[in-house]
Amino acid sequence: MKKINLLFCFGLLAVIAISCSKKEGIDDDLSFLNTSSTSNMASLFDISDDNSGIVKITPTGEGASSFTIDFGHASASETIMPGHSATHAYPEGSYTVNITSTDIAGKTNTNSFPLQLTYRAPENLQINIASDMQVSATALYANSFLVYYGDVANEVGTPLAVGQTLPAHIYPAGGPYDLRVVAQSGGAATTQATKTLFGFPLSFESPTMDYFFGTFGDVQFTKVASPDKSGLNTSEMVGKYFKPVGAPSWSGTYSPLNIPINFTQGKKIKVMVYNPDPANVGKKLNVELEWAIGASDANPWGAVLRMPITTSGAWEELEFDFSSIAAIPATARFTQLVLRFNDSADGAGETIYVDNFRLTN
């Protein structure tokens, strides 16, 4: 009996030893790896809307241990783990993104996904002009700009980067000129704006020019219908200069010019004047030129001339010959025009009309 019990104990220990030599739940059967696979493959595209072309790609799929993304552009690819994303910058266009999933057995499955990128047209385009025709521009969703100065035939646009200011541009005599800026999206969509530049020759006929005659003192200046479309001037629209009773003698207007008055193109300024009141005959109109390019202050050379009005009830042309002021350099370019009327006395309710400013030799 003792021998039987002893044999039974040895047998039981052997069974226990064998059962404890393998971890629970794992055996030699790896056949399930042969049937492992990924399914329900999909890809989520998150396309930026700022024309950067950046696309965030997030693959999904059951049973995948990794994803390899072939972006379909520039031979670029990237391998990521489930739950992660990859990003890539695309030019505008159509692409096929191939995503290969790999399961734990090393088996792969590839799916293709179409991707269409269309850049949005730039918005809120603003043209900015600094002294001496230095152009810059801003626009939402713009990747770059092209600038057309409008002074040559068949002009090729000058490239302008975001945040850049172009160097000075000197216009030939003549005009007026229309400055055009095209905002580029980086794709096919563009937005453009045009600005009629403020400079000589200067009339008041353009519907697109921003005629800025700022005032100081109590002077008033407005663009109005001509009081007399006959004689020397048949223009529809002119400038009205009004000096109210009691306005300080130094009152006047100032006009920053997009295109500077360039003395290499002439030193005489001619302007048409209409005086409706005989009491104004003999009173003088001032033409003053300020803020020359590179000058140390507003008017270092005393570029001020006064000419008397000689008639009433008809247009006349006054000439201001700045070659008479020897101190002014021959190459001076002035960026501001100032007008004053009868600056020897306070205002008496005077009205005059001006039109057709031009620069001649």
Protein backbone atom coordinates (compact mmCIF):
# COMPACT_ATOMS: atom_id res chain seq x y z
CA MET A 1 0.00 0.00 0.00
CA LYS A 2 2.83 2.38 0.84
CA LYS A 3 4.42 1.69 -2.58
CA ILE A 4 1.18 2.53 -4.35
CA ASN A 5 0.86 5.81 -2.44
CA LEU A 6 4.46 6.69 -3.17
CA LEU A 7 4.03 6.11 -6.92
CA PHE A 8 0.89 8.22 -6.91
CA CYS A 9 2.75 11.11 -5.28
CA PHE A 10 5.56 10.97 -7.83
CA GLY A 11 3.01 10.99 -10.65
CA LEU A 12 1.18 13.97 -9.20
CA LEU A 13 4.42 15.95 -8.83
CA ALA A 14 5.29 15.24 -12.46
CA VAL A 15 1.93 16.53 -13.62
CA ILE A 16 2.30 19.66 -11.53
CA ALA A 17 5.83 20.24 -12.82
CA ILE A 18 4.73 19.92 -16.42
CA SER A 19 1.75 22.23 -15.96
CA CYS A 20 3.90 24.91 -14.29
CA SER A 21 6.49 24.98 -17.08
CA LYS A 22 4.17 27.03 -19.44
CA LYS A 23 2.71 30.45 -18.76
CA GLU A 24 -1.00 30.62 -18.39
CA GLY A 25 -2.79 31.29 -21.65
CA ILE A 26 0.24 30.71 -23.92
CA ASP A 27 1.00 27.55 -25.76
CA ASP A 28 2.84 26.51 -28.89
CA ASP A 29 -0.10 27.27 -31.16
CA LEU A 30 0.76 30.48 -33.12
CA SER A 31 -1.55 29.74 -35.97
CA PHE A 32 -3.65 32.81 -35.17
CA LEU A 33 -0.83 34.97 -36.58
CA ASN A 34 -1.52 33.49 -39.98
CA THR A 35 -5.06 34.80 -39.90
CA SER A 36 -4.35 38.24 -38.30
CA SER A 37 -5.21 41.19 -40.53
CA THR A 38 -6.33 44.81 -40.55
CA SER A 39 -9.79 45.90 -41.61
CA ASN A 40 -12.02 48.98 -41.92
CA MET A 41 -9.13 51.11 -43.15
CA ALA A 42 -9.90 54.82 -43.37
CA SER A 43 -8.05 58.12 -43.42
CA LEU A 44 -9.08 61.46 -41.96
CA PHE A 45 -7.78 64.54 -43.83
CA ASP A 46 -7.65 67.80 -41.90
CA ILE A 47 -6.88 70.47 -44.53
CA SER A 48 -5.69 73.91 -43.35
CA ASP A 49 -7.67 76.88 -44.66
CA ASP A 50 -4.84 79.44 -44.60
CA ASN A 51 -3.32 78.53 -47.99
CA SER A 52 -0.29 76.96 -46.30
CA GLY A 53 -1.16 73.65 -47.98
CA ILE A 54 -0.61 71.76 -44.73
CA VAL A 55 -2.73 68.60 -44.45
CA LYS A 56 -2.95 66.53 -41.27
CA ILE A 57 -3.52 62.83 -42.05
CA THR A 58 -4.83 60.46 -39.39
CA PRO A 59 -5.22 56.81 -40.52
CA THR A 60 -7.55 54.41 -38.74
CA GLY A 61 -8.02 50.65 -39.05
CA GLU A 62 -8.72 47.59 -36.92
CA GLY A 63 -5.78 45.32 -36.09
CA ALA A 64 -3.06 47.64 -37.38
CA SER A 65 0.20 47.95 -35.50
CA SER A 66 1.54 50.75 -37.76
CA PHE A 67 0.67 52.84 -40.82
CA THR A 68 2.98 53.95 -43.61
CA ILE A 69 1.72 57.03 -45.45
CA ASP A 70 2.86 57.73 -49.00
CA PHE A 71 1.83 61.38 -49.36
CA GLY A 72 1.66 61.23 -53.15
CA HIS A 73 3.87 64.33 -53.45
CA ALA A 74 7.63 64.82 -53.63
CA SER A 75 8.29 61.09 -52.96
CA ALA A 76 7.63 61.74 -49.28
CA SER A 77 6.39 59.11 -46.83
CA GLU A 78 6.16 58.57 -43.08
CA THR A 79 5.42 55.63 -40.76
CA ILE A 80 3.35 56.29 -37.65
CA MET A 81 1.73 54.30 -34.85
CA PRO A 82 -2.05 53.93 -34.44
CA GLY A 83 -3.64 57.01 -32.90
CA HIS A 84 -0.95 59.31 -34.31
CA SER A 85 -1.04 61.74 -37.26
CA ALA A 86 1.34 62.93 -39.95
CA THR A 87 1.43 66.33 -41.68
CA HIS A 88 2.58 67.35 -45.15
CA ALA A 89 2.54 70.63 -47.10
CA TYR A 90 1.02 70.34 -50.58
CA PRO A 91 0.85 72.74 -53.50
CA GLU A 92 -2.63 73.27 -54.89
CA GLY A 93 -3.72 70.24 -56.93
CA SER A 94 -5.04 66.67 -56.93
CA TYR A 95 -3.17 63.86 -55.18
CA THR A 96 -3.53 60.18 -54.31
CA VAL A 97 -2.45 59.29 -50.78
CA ASN A 98 -1.55 55.62 -50.30
CA ILE A 99 -1.70 54.25 -46.76
CA THR A 100 -0.26 50.84 -45.94
CA SER A 101 -1.30 49.22 -42.66
CA THR A 102 0.85 46.54 -41.06
CA ASP A 103 -0.50 44.05 -38.51
CA ILE A 104 1.42 42.27 -35.74
CA ALA A 105 2.17 39.36 -38.06
CA GLY A 106 3.83 41.69 -40.57
CA LYS A 107 1.04 41.41 -43.10
CA THR A 108 0.28 44.59 -45.04
CA ASN A 109 -2.78 46.08 -46.63
CA THR A 110 -2.70 49.20 -48.85
CA ASN A 111 -5.57 51.57 -49.55
CA SER A 112 -5.63 54.69 -51.73
CA PHE A 113 -7.39 57.94 -50.83
CA PRO A 114 -7.93 60.92 -53.18
CA LEU A 115 -6.94 64.37 -51.90
CA GLN A 116 -7.96 67.66 -53.56
CA LEU A 117 -6.41 70.96 -52.46
CA THR A 118 -7.94 74.23 -53.69
CA TYR A 119 -6.46 77.40 -52.24
CA ARG A 120 -8.88 80.17 -51.30
CA ALA A 121 -8.69 83.61 -52.90
CA PRO A 122 -6.91 86.23 -50.73
CA GLU A 123 -9.18 88.62 -48.85
CA ASN A 124 -9.02 92.20 -47.56
CA LEU A 125 -6.25 93.30 -49.93
CA GLN A 126 -4.72 96.63 -48.88
CA ILE A 127 -2.17 98.60 -50.92
CA ASN A 128 0.25 100.67 -48.83
CA ILE A 129 2.48 103.41 -50.24
CA ALA A 130 5.31 104.96 -48.24
CA SER A 131 7.40 107.97 -49.19
CA ASP A 132 8.86 107.97 -52.70
CA MET A 133 6.51 105.27 -54.00
CA GLN A 134 7.67 102.41 -51.79
CA VAL A 135 4.92 99.82 -52.17
CA SER A 136 3.85 97.11 -49.74
CA ALA A 137 0.62 95.15 -49.43
CA THR A 138 -1.34 93.00 -47.01
CA ALA A 139 -4.09 90.44 -47.56
CA LEU A 140 -5.52 87.51 -45.68
CA TYR A 141 -4.53 84.12 -47.17
CA ALA A 142 -1.96 85.67 -49.54
CA ASN A 143 1.29 83.83 -50.17
CA SER A 144 2.82 86.59 -52.31
CA PHE A 145 1.98 89.60 -54.49
CA LEU A 146 2.71 91.03 -57.93
CA VAL A 147 2.97 94.80 -58.35
CA TYR A 148 2.17 96.57 -61.62
CA TYR A 149 3.20 100.23 -61.53
CA GLY A 150 1.22 101.08 -64.67
CA ASP A 151 3.86 103.20 -66.36
CA VAL A 152 5.03 100.87 -69.15
CA ALA A 153 3.27 98.83 -71.83
CA ASN A 154 3.11 95.03 -71.43
CA GLU A 155 4.45 95.36 -67.90
CA VAL A 156 5.75 92.26 -66.12
CA GLY A 157 4.68 92.29 -62.48
CA THR A 158 7.30 92.94 -59.82
CA PRO A 159 7.27 90.17 -57.17
CA LEU A 160 6.47 91.31 -53.65
CA ALA A 161 6.78 88.98 -50.66
CA VAL A 162 4.49 89.08 -47.64
CA GLY A 163 5.93 91.62 -45.21
CA GLN A 164 8.26 93.14 -47.83
CA THR A 165 8.40 96.78 -48.99
CA LEU A 166 9.64 97.42 -52.51
CA PRO A 167 12.31 100.07 -53.20
CA ALA A 168 11.40 103.53 -54.45
CA HIS A 169 9.89 103.76 -57.91
CA ILE A 170 10.35 106.92 -59.98
CA TYR A 171 7.58 107.56 -62.49
CA PRO A 172 8.18 109.26 -65.84
CA ALA A 173 6.51 112.57 -66.57
CA GLY A 174 2.86 112.23 -67.50
CA GLY A 175 0.13 110.26 -65.87
CA PRO A 176 -2.05 109.83 -63.99
CA TYR A 177 -0.98 106.25 -63.30
CA ASP A 178 -2.91 103.30 -61.93
CA LEU A 179 -1.00 101.09 -59.51
CA ARG A 180 -2.29 97.49 -59.54
CA VAL A 181 -1.45 94.82 -56.97
CA VAL A 182 -2.35 91.15 -57.41
CA ALA A 183 -2.51 89.03 -54.26
CA GLN A 184 -1.60 85.40 -54.99
CA SER A 185 -3.01 82.48 -53.03
CA GLY A 186 -0.27 80.05 -53.99
CA GLY A 187 -2.73 78.39 -56.37
CA ALA A 188 -4.97 79.56 -59.16
CA ALA A 189 -7.09 81.97 -57.10
CA THR A 190 -6.00 85.62 -57.01
CA THR A 191 -7.40 88.93 -55.81
CA GLN A 192 -6.41 92.32 -57.20
CA ALA A 193 -6.84 95.97 -56.33
CA THR A 194 -6.04 99.18 -58.20
CA LYS A 195 -5.10 102.58 -56.83
CA THR A 196 -5.06 105.73 -58.95
CA LEU A 197 -2.03 107.61 -57.73
CA PHE A 198 -2.12 111.14 -56.40
CA GLY A 199 0.40 113.30 -58.26
CA PHE A 200 0.92 115.71 -61.13
CA PRO A 201 -0.72 116.26 -63.53
CA LEU A 202 -3.64 116.65 -61.16
CA SER A 203 -7.25 117.24 -62.10
CA PHE A 204 -10.37 116.24 -60.19
CA GLU A 205 -12.00 114.09 -62.86
CA SER A 206 -10.95 110.61 -61.72
CA PRO A 207 -13.69 108.64 -59.94
CA THR A 208 -11.11 106.33 -58.33
CA MET A 209 -8.45 108.74 -57.06
CA ASP A 210 -8.48 109.58 -53.36
CA TYR A 211 -8.12 113.37 -53.54
CA PHE A 212 -6.70 114.18 -50.15
CA PHE A 213 -6.43 117.87 -49.37
CA GLY A 214 -6.05 117.94 -45.62
CA THR A 215 -6.58 121.31 -44.00
CA PHE A 216 -5.02 123.31 -41.18
CA GLY A 217 -6.46 126.42 -39.58
CA ASP A 218 -10.09 126.88 -40.63
CA VAL A 219 -9.80 126.39 -44.39
CA GLN A 220 -12.26 124.03 -46.07
CA PHE A 221 -11.45 122.12 -49.26
CA THR A 222 -13.88 119.94 -51.25
CA LYS A 223 -14.23 118.37 -54.67
CA VAL A 224 -17.23 120.01 -56.39
CA ALA A 225 -18.84 120.53 -59.79
CA SER A 226 -17.19 123.29 -61.76
CA PRO A 227 -18.80 126.72 -61.36
CA ASP A 228 -17.96 127.55 -64.98
CA LYS A 229 -17.23 124.96 -67.69
CA SER A 230 -16.00 127.41 -70.31
CA GLY A 231 -12.95 129.28 -71.50
CA LEU A 232 -9.64 127.76 -70.44
CA ASN A 233 -11.22 124.98 -68.40
CA THR A 234 -14.18 122.79 -69.32
CA SER A 235 -13.63 120.17 -66.59
CA GLU A 236 -16.66 118.71 -64.86
CA MET A 237 -15.11 118.59 -61.38
CA VAL A 238 -12.74 120.99 -59.62
CA GLY A 239 -11.40 121.77 -56.15
CA LYS A 240 -13.12 124.37 -54.00
CA TYR A 241 -10.95 126.33 -51.52
CA PHE A 242 -12.91 128.28 -48.88
CA LYS A 243 -11.36 130.54 -46.23
CA PRO A 244 -14.08 131.46 -43.70
CA VAL A 245 -14.37 134.81 -41.98
CA GLY A 246 -11.81 134.96 -39.18
CA ALA A 247 -9.75 131.99 -40.36
CA PRO A 248 -6.11 132.52 -39.34
CA SER A 249 -3.92 133.96 -42.06
CA TRP A 250 -1.71 130.86 -42.00
CA SER A 251 -4.62 128.49 -42.77
CA GLY A 252 -4.32 126.25 -45.80
CA THR A 253 -4.31 122.74 -47.23
CA TYR A 254 -1.68 120.00 -47.39
CA SER A 255 -1.64 117.08 -49.80
CA PRO A 256 0.83 114.19 -49.46
CA LEU A 257 1.53 112.99 -52.99
CA ASN A 258 1.95 109.34 -53.97
CA ILE A 259 4.10 110.45 -56.92
CA PRO A 260 6.56 113.18 -55.87
CA ILE A 261 6.90 116.42 -57.85
CA ASN A 262 10.13 115.71 -59.71
CA PHE A 263 12.18 118.77 -60.67
CA THR A 264 14.12 116.77 -63.28
CA GLN A 265 10.85 116.82 -65.23
CA GLY A 266 10.20 120.55 -64.87
CA LYS A 267 10.40 123.38 -62.33
CA LYS A 268 7.30 125.37 -63.21
CA ILE A 269 3.94 124.53 -61.68
CA LYS A 270 0.87 125.77 -63.49
CA VAL A 271 -2.60 125.75 -61.96
CA MET A 272 -5.95 126.97 -63.23
CA VAL A 273 -7.83 129.26 -60.86
CA TYR A 274 -11.42 130.53 -60.94
CA ASN A 275 -12.26 133.53 -58.77
CA PRO A 276 -15.99 134.35 -58.51
CA ASP A 277 -15.52 137.61 -56.53
CA PRO A 278 -13.93 140.84 -57.84
CA ALA A 279 -12.89 141.60 -54.25
CA ASN A 280 -10.34 138.78 -54.49
CA VAL A 281 -8.47 140.27 -57.45
CA GLY A 282 -4.91 141.03 -56.36
CA LYS A 283 -4.96 138.54 -53.50
CA LYS A 284 -2.28 135.88 -53.81
CA LEU A 285 -2.39 132.11 -54.01
CA ASN A 286 0.57 130.32 -52.40
CA VAL A 287 2.03 127.12 -53.82
CA GLU A 288 4.45 125.55 -51.34
CA LEU A 289 6.46 122.36 -51.83
CA GLU A 290 7.43 120.34 -48.76
CA TRP A 291 9.11 117.15 -47.58
CA ALA A 292 11.57 116.60 -50.37
CA ILE A 293 13.08 113.13 -50.55
CA GLY A 294 16.18 113.08 -48.33
CA ALA A 295 15.66 116.61 -46.96
CA SER A 296 16.36 117.30 -43.30
CA ASP A 297 13.06 119.09 -42.61
CA ALA A 298 9.77 120.09 -44.23
CA ASN A 299 11.01 123.05 -46.28
CA PRO A 300 14.79 123.58 -46.04
CA TRP A 301 15.06 125.63 -49.25
CA GLY A 302 12.08 127.97 -48.85
CA ALA A 303 10.12 126.43 -51.73
CA VAL A 304 7.25 128.91 -51.47
CA LEU A 305 5.89 131.09 -54.29
CA ARG A 306 2.94 133.52 -54.34
CA MET A 307 1.05 134.67 -57.43
CA PRO A 308 -1.81 137.20 -57.54
CA ILE A 309 -5.24 136.51 -58.96
CA THR A 310 -5.79 138.89 -61.87
CA THR A 311 -9.43 138.42 -62.84
CA SER A 312 -12.87 137.29 -61.70
CA GLY A 313 -15.68 135.36 -63.37
CA ALA A 314 -13.32 133.43 -65.67
CA TRP A 315 -10.66 130.74 -65.46
CA GLU A 316 -7.04 131.87 -65.58
CA GLU A 317 -3.77 129.91 -65.38
CA LEU A 318 -1.20 130.98 -62.80
CA GLU A 319 2.45 129.96 -63.18
CA PHE A 320 4.79 129.33 -60.25
CA ASP A 321 8.40 129.21 -61.47
CA PHE A 322 10.50 127.43 -58.85
CA SER A 323 13.66 127.77 -60.93
CA SER A 324 13.75 131.27 -59.44
CA ILE A 325 14.73 129.73 -56.08
CA ALA A 326 18.40 128.88 -56.64
CA ALA A 327 18.77 126.91 -53.41
CA ILE A 328 16.49 124.11 -54.60
CA PRO A 329 18.56 121.22 -56.02
CA ALA A 330 17.96 120.42 -59.67
CA THR A 331 17.02 116.83 -58.75
CA ALA A 332 14.67 117.66 -55.87
CA ARG A 333 11.54 115.54 -55.50
CA PHE A 334 8.81 116.90 -53.23
CA THR A 335 6.21 114.66 -51.62
CA GLN A 336 3.78 117.27 -50.29
CA LEU A 337 1.86 120.14 -51.91
CA VAL A 338 0.63 123.01 -49.70
CA LEU A 339 -1.85 125.71 -50.77
CA ARG A 340 -2.63 128.96 -48.95
CA PHE A 341 -4.69 131.91 -50.06
CA ASN A 342 -4.14 135.54 -49.03
CA ASP A 343 -1.82 134.58 -46.20
CA SER A 344 -1.27 138.27 -45.35
CA ALA A 345 -4.69 138.54 -43.64
CA ASP A 346 -7.25 136.53 -41.75
CA GLY A 347 -10.14 135.04 -43.68
CA ALA A 348 -12.84 137.27 -45.10
CA GLY A 349 -15.07 134.52 -46.47
CA GLU A 350 -13.07 134.05 -49.70
CA THR A 351 -13.80 131.25 -52.17
CA ILE A 352 -11.63 130.25 -55.11
CA TYR A 353 -11.60 127.17 -57.33
CA VAL A 354 -8.48 125.33 -58.54
CA ASP A 355 -7.90 122.66 -61.18
CA ASN A 356 -5.39 121.08 -63.58
CA PHE A 357 -2.12 121.27 -61.68
CA ARG A 358 0.80 120.42 -63.97
CA LEU A 359 4.58 120.50 -64.03
CA THR A 360 6.38 122.06 -67.01
CA ASN A 361 9.77 123.42 -68.05
